[in-house]
Amino acid sequence: MEREGNCEWTDDERRINSGGTGDWPGFTPSSNKVVHQCPHCVYSTTLLHNLKRHILKHTGEKPFACTYCSYTTTRKELLSEHVNLHTGERPFACPYCSYSSSHKNILRRHIRVHTGEKRYSCTQCPFQTDSKPILNNHYKKHDISTV
């Protein structure tokens, strides 16, 4: 079978969708992949780092601690964003305006103001919004409980 002939995937897309290996998505060479199983539940992964991070959910351990306050977390990235609140740093910049944020997710929500993306839709009428709490409030008009 020819790999490159009628392929609609670019090499970068193939690398991203295959977990960085460059192989075809869904292709798992049996000789290279060791499956790591969580001792607490059915979760398994081929990446030891992912298993270690997953196990923290069971143990409750939060190895990353803020030097400014008592905040602790399981992920280094979340700690870095938290520290931005103390330092005032806003490294996440909007590509549409001068807005910047201390947290990546806050910036994502802000960008929807520019793009008009409405991620949440009412199942009863055409109403759409970019905020789940607003959708839940809207459902009260239909006498439907929150989703």
C-alpha atoms as a PDB file:
ATOM      1  CA  MET A   1       0.000   0.000   0.000  1.00  0.00           C
ATOM      2  CA  GLU A   2       1.372   3.412  -0.966  1.00  0.00           C
ATOM      3  CA  ARG A   3       1.696   5.859   1.942  1.00  0.00           C
ATOM      4  CA  GLU A   4       2.037   9.190   0.180  1.00  0.00           C
ATOM      5  CA  GLY A   5      -0.009   8.743  -3.032  1.00  0.00           C
ATOM      6  CA  ASN A   6      -3.543  10.002  -2.406  1.00  0.00           C
ATOM      7  CA  CYS A   7      -2.922  11.168   1.103  1.00  0.00           C
ATOM      8  CA  GLU A   8      -4.882  14.205   2.289  1.00  0.00           C
ATOM      9  CA  TRP A   9      -2.780  14.422   5.471  1.00  0.00           C
ATOM     10  CA  THR A  10       0.300  16.588   5.584  1.00  0.00           C
ATOM     11  CA  ASP A  11       3.356  15.284   7.429  1.00  0.00           C
ATOM     12  CA  ASP A  12       2.679  17.753  10.267  1.00  0.00           C
ATOM     13  CA  GLU A  13      -0.957  16.630  10.596  1.00  0.00           C
ATOM     14  CA  ARG A  14       0.133  12.990  10.591  1.00  0.00           C
ATOM     15  CA  ARG A  15       2.711  13.708  13.302  1.00  0.00           C
ATOM     16  CA  ILE A  16       0.162  15.589  15.458  1.00  0.00           C
ATOM     17  CA  ASN A  17      -2.605  12.996  15.049  1.00  0.00           C
ATOM     18  CA  SER A  18      -0.297  10.077  15.718  1.00  0.00           C
ATOM     19  CA  GLY A  19       1.051  11.463  18.967  1.00  0.00           C
ATOM     20  CA  GLY A  20       4.238  12.831  17.410  1.00  0.00           C
ATOM     21  CA  THR A  21       5.536   9.546  15.927  1.00  0.00           C
ATOM     22  CA  GLY A  22       4.959  10.452  12.261  1.00  0.00           C
ATOM     23  CA  ASP A  23       3.115   7.181  11.614  1.00  0.00           C
ATOM     24  CA  TRP A  24      -0.415   6.917  10.333  1.00  0.00           C
ATOM     25  CA  PRO A  25      -3.170   7.666  12.867  1.00  0.00           C
ATOM     26  CA  GLY A  26      -4.388   4.478  14.489  1.00  0.00           C
ATOM     27  CA  PHE A  27      -1.212   2.588  13.534  1.00  0.00           C
ATOM     28  CA  THR A  28       0.473   1.120  16.594  1.00  0.00           C
ATOM     29  CA  PRO A  29       3.579  -0.951  16.067  1.00  0.00           C
ATOM     30  CA  SER A  30       3.225  -3.718  18.639  1.00  0.00           C
ATOM     31  CA  SER A  31       6.967  -3.987  19.307  1.00  0.00           C
ATOM     32  CA  ASN A  32       7.455  -0.377  20.522  1.00  0.00           C
ATOM     33  CA  LYS A  33       4.354   0.346  22.599  1.00  0.00           C
ATOM     34  CA  VAL A  34       4.240  -0.634  26.245  1.00  0.00           C
ATOM     35  CA  VAL A  35       0.826  -0.174  27.804  1.00  0.00           C
ATOM     36  CA  HIS A  36       0.927   1.314  31.293  1.00  0.00           C
ATOM     37  CA  GLN A  37      -2.086   0.336  33.411  1.00  0.00           C
ATOM     38  CA  CYS A  38      -3.419   2.366  36.329  1.00  0.00           C
ATOM     39  CA  PRO A  39      -3.412   0.217  39.496  1.00  0.00           C
ATOM     40  CA  HIS A  40      -6.581   1.983  40.734  1.00  0.00           C
ATOM     41  CA  CYS A  41      -8.920   1.847  37.712  1.00  0.00           C
ATOM     42  CA  VAL A  42      -9.238   0.726  34.068  1.00  0.00           C
ATOM     43  CA  TYR A  43      -7.260   3.680  32.640  1.00  0.00           C
ATOM     44  CA  SER A  44      -4.264   2.721  30.497  1.00  0.00           C
ATOM     45  CA  THR A  45      -1.867   4.655  28.277  1.00  0.00           C
ATOM     46  CA  THR A  46       1.294   4.145  26.260  1.00  0.00           C
ATOM     47  CA  LEU A  47       2.882   7.231  27.832  1.00  0.00           C
ATOM     48  CA  LEU A  48       4.282   6.793  31.337  1.00  0.00           C
ATOM     49  CA  HIS A  49       4.057  10.567  31.967  1.00  0.00           C
ATOM     50  CA  ASN A  50       0.288  10.463  31.323  1.00  0.00           C
ATOM     51  CA  LEU A  51      -0.121   7.557  33.747  1.00  0.00           C
ATOM     52  CA  LYS A  52       1.823   9.362  36.481  1.00  0.00           C
ATOM     53  CA  ARG A  53      -0.349  12.459  36.038  1.00  0.00           C
ATOM     54  CA  HIS A  54      -3.498  10.305  36.038  1.00  0.00           C
ATOM     55  CA  ILE A  55      -2.549   8.513  39.282  1.00  0.00           C
ATOM     56  CA  LEU A  56      -2.454  11.899  41.048  1.00  0.00           C
ATOM     57  CA  LYS A  57      -6.257  11.945  40.684  1.00  0.00           C
ATOM     58  CA  HIS A  58      -6.448   8.843  42.862  1.00  0.00           C
ATOM     59  CA  THR A  59      -3.827   9.830  45.427  1.00  0.00           C
ATOM     60  CA  GLY A  60      -4.923  13.463  45.781  1.00  0.00           C
ATOM     61  CA  GLU A  61      -1.264  14.502  45.662  1.00  0.00           C
ATOM     62  CA  LYS A  62      -0.610  17.996  44.314  1.00  0.00           C
ATOM     63  CA  PRO A  63       3.161  18.272  43.885  1.00  0.00           C
ATOM     64  CA  PHE A  64       3.251  21.808  42.446  1.00  0.00           C
ATOM     65  CA  ALA A  65       2.920  24.577  45.057  1.00  0.00           C
ATOM     66  CA  CYS A  66       2.713  28.359  44.722  1.00  0.00           C
ATOM     67  CA  THR A  67       5.476  30.297  46.485  1.00  0.00           C
ATOM     68  CA  TYR A  68       3.112  33.244  47.068  1.00  0.00           C
ATOM     69  CA  CYS A  69       0.131  31.470  48.653  1.00  0.00           C
ATOM     70  CA  SER A  70      -1.193  28.047  49.665  1.00  0.00           C
ATOM     71  CA  TYR A  71      -2.370  27.056  46.151  1.00  0.00           C
ATOM     72  CA  THR A  72      -1.275  23.574  45.005  1.00  0.00           C
ATOM     73  CA  THR A  73      -2.012  21.669  41.811  1.00  0.00           C
ATOM     74  CA  THR A  74      -1.242  18.479  39.939  1.00  0.00           C
ATOM     75  CA  ARG A  75       0.098  20.243  36.838  1.00  0.00           C
ATOM     76  CA  LYS A  76       3.077  22.539  36.323  1.00  0.00           C
ATOM     77  CA  GLU A  77       1.271  24.496  33.574  1.00  0.00           C
ATOM     78  CA  LEU A  78      -1.604  25.340  35.912  1.00  0.00           C
ATOM     79  CA  LEU A  79       0.821  26.546  38.577  1.00  0.00           C
ATOM     80  CA  SER A  80       2.568  28.815  36.037  1.00  0.00           C
ATOM     81  CA  GLU A  81      -0.753  30.397  35.086  1.00  0.00           C
ATOM     82  CA  HIS A  82      -1.691  30.795  38.759  1.00  0.00           C
ATOM     83  CA  VAL A  83       1.604  32.556  39.564  1.00  0.00           C
ATOM     84  CA  ASN A  84       0.720  35.108  36.859  1.00  0.00           C
ATOM     85  CA  LEU A  85      -2.072  36.319  39.147  1.00  0.00           C
ATOM     86  CA  HIS A  86       0.525  37.251  41.770  1.00  0.00           C
ATOM     87  CA  THR A  87       3.101  38.736  39.406  1.00  0.00           C
ATOM     88  CA  GLY A  88       0.623  40.565  37.171  1.00  0.00           C
ATOM     89  CA  GLU A  89       2.151  38.956  34.100  1.00  0.00           C
ATOM     90  CA  ARG A  90      -0.222  38.528  31.138  1.00  0.00           C
ATOM     91  CA  PRO A  91       1.637  36.397  28.591  1.00  0.00           C
ATOM     92  CA  PHE A  92      -1.421  35.345  26.553  1.00  0.00           C
ATOM     93  CA  ALA A  93      -2.116  38.046  23.936  1.00  0.00           C
ATOM     94  CA  CYS A  94      -5.190  38.418  21.741  1.00  0.00           C
ATOM     95  CA  PRO A  95      -4.354  38.378  18.019  1.00  0.00           C
ATOM     96  CA  TYR A  96      -7.292  40.736  17.295  1.00  0.00           C
ATOM     97  CA  CYS A  97      -6.778  43.529  19.832  1.00  0.00           C
ATOM     98  CA  SER A  98      -4.484  44.711  22.626  1.00  0.00           C
ATOM     99  CA  TYR A  99      -6.090  42.471  25.278  1.00  0.00           C
ATOM    100  CA  SER A 100      -3.822  40.068  27.155  1.00  0.00           C
ATOM    101  CA  SER A 101      -4.544  37.555  29.891  1.00  0.00           C
ATOM    102  CA  SER A 102      -2.838  35.705  32.699  1.00  0.00           C
ATOM    103  CA  HIS A 103      -4.622  32.446  31.749  1.00  0.00           C
ATOM    104  CA  LYS A 104      -4.861  30.655  28.410  1.00  0.00           C
ATOM    105  CA  ASN A 105      -8.542  29.736  28.883  1.00  0.00           C
ATOM    106  CA  ILE A 106      -9.530  33.308  29.706  1.00  0.00           C
ATOM    107  CA  LEU A 107      -7.920  34.401  26.436  1.00  0.00           C
ATOM    108  CA  ARG A 108      -9.795  31.666  24.534  1.00  0.00           C
ATOM    109  CA  ARG A 109     -13.083  32.946  25.964  1.00  0.00           C
ATOM    110  CA  HIS A 110     -12.124  36.536  25.038  1.00  0.00           C
ATOM    111  CA  ILE A 111     -11.273  35.581  21.442  1.00  0.00           C
ATOM    112  CA  ARG A 112     -14.848  34.315  20.975  1.00  0.00           C
ATOM    113  CA  VAL A 113     -15.938  37.970  21.263  1.00  0.00           C
ATOM    114  CA  HIS A 114     -14.051  38.624  18.008  1.00  0.00           C
ATOM    115  CA  THR A 115     -14.916  35.383  16.194  1.00  0.00           C
ATOM    116  CA  GLY A 116     -18.580  35.273  17.216  1.00  0.00           C
ATOM    117  CA  GLU A 117     -18.262  31.580  18.087  1.00  0.00           C
ATOM    118  CA  LYS A 118     -21.270  30.306  20.032  1.00  0.00           C
ATOM    119  CA  ARG A 119     -20.281  26.988  21.608  1.00  0.00           C
ATOM    120  CA  TYR A 120     -23.543  26.309  23.452  1.00  0.00           C
ATOM    121  CA  SER A 121     -26.913  25.790  21.729  1.00  0.00           C
ATOM    122  CA  CYS A 122     -30.390  25.367  23.139  1.00  0.00           C
ATOM    123  CA  THR A 123     -31.964  22.019  22.272  1.00  0.00           C
ATOM    124  CA  GLN A 124     -35.453  23.568  22.274  1.00  0.00           C
ATOM    125  CA  CYS A 125     -34.987  26.688  20.141  1.00  0.00           C
ATOM    126  CA  PRO A 126     -32.379  28.462  17.953  1.00  0.00           C
ATOM    127  CA  PHE A 127     -30.766  30.287  20.918  1.00  0.00           C
ATOM    128  CA  GLN A 128     -26.960  30.100  21.022  1.00  0.00           C
ATOM    129  CA  THR A 129     -24.386  31.553  23.416  1.00  0.00           C
ATOM    130  CA  ASP A 130     -20.699  31.387  24.232  1.00  0.00           C
ATOM    131  CA  SER A 131     -21.365  30.793  27.938  1.00  0.00           C
ATOM    132  CA  LYS A 132     -22.700  27.634  29.601  1.00  0.00           C
ATOM    133  CA  PRO A 133     -24.145  29.539  32.601  1.00  0.00           C
ATOM    134  CA  ILE A 134     -26.072  31.780  30.199  1.00  0.00           C
ATOM    135  CA  LEU A 135     -27.430  28.692  28.397  1.00  0.00           C
ATOM    136  CA  ASN A 136     -28.455  27.149  31.722  1.00  0.00           C
ATOM    137  CA  ASN A 137     -30.260  30.361  32.645  1.00  0.00           C
ATOM    138  CA  HIS A 138     -31.938  30.367  29.205  1.00  0.00           C
ATOM    139  CA  TYR A 139     -33.266  26.836  29.809  1.00  0.00           C
ATOM    140  CA  LYS A 140     -35.388  28.217  32.662  1.00  0.00           C
ATOM    141  CA  LYS A 141     -37.572  29.857  29.985  1.00  0.00           C
ATOM    142  CA  HIS A 142     -38.334  26.358  28.690  1.00  0.00           C
ATOM    143  CA  ASP A 143     -38.852  24.912  32.219  1.00  0.00           C
ATOM    144  CA  ILE A 144     -35.869  22.615  31.651  1.00  0.00           C
ATOM    145  CA  SER A 145     -33.332  21.966  34.368  1.00  0.00           C
ATOM    146  CA  THR A 146     -29.662  22.775  33.836  1.00  0.00           C
ATOM    147  CA  VAL A 147     -27.537  20.612  31.574  1.00  0.00           C
END
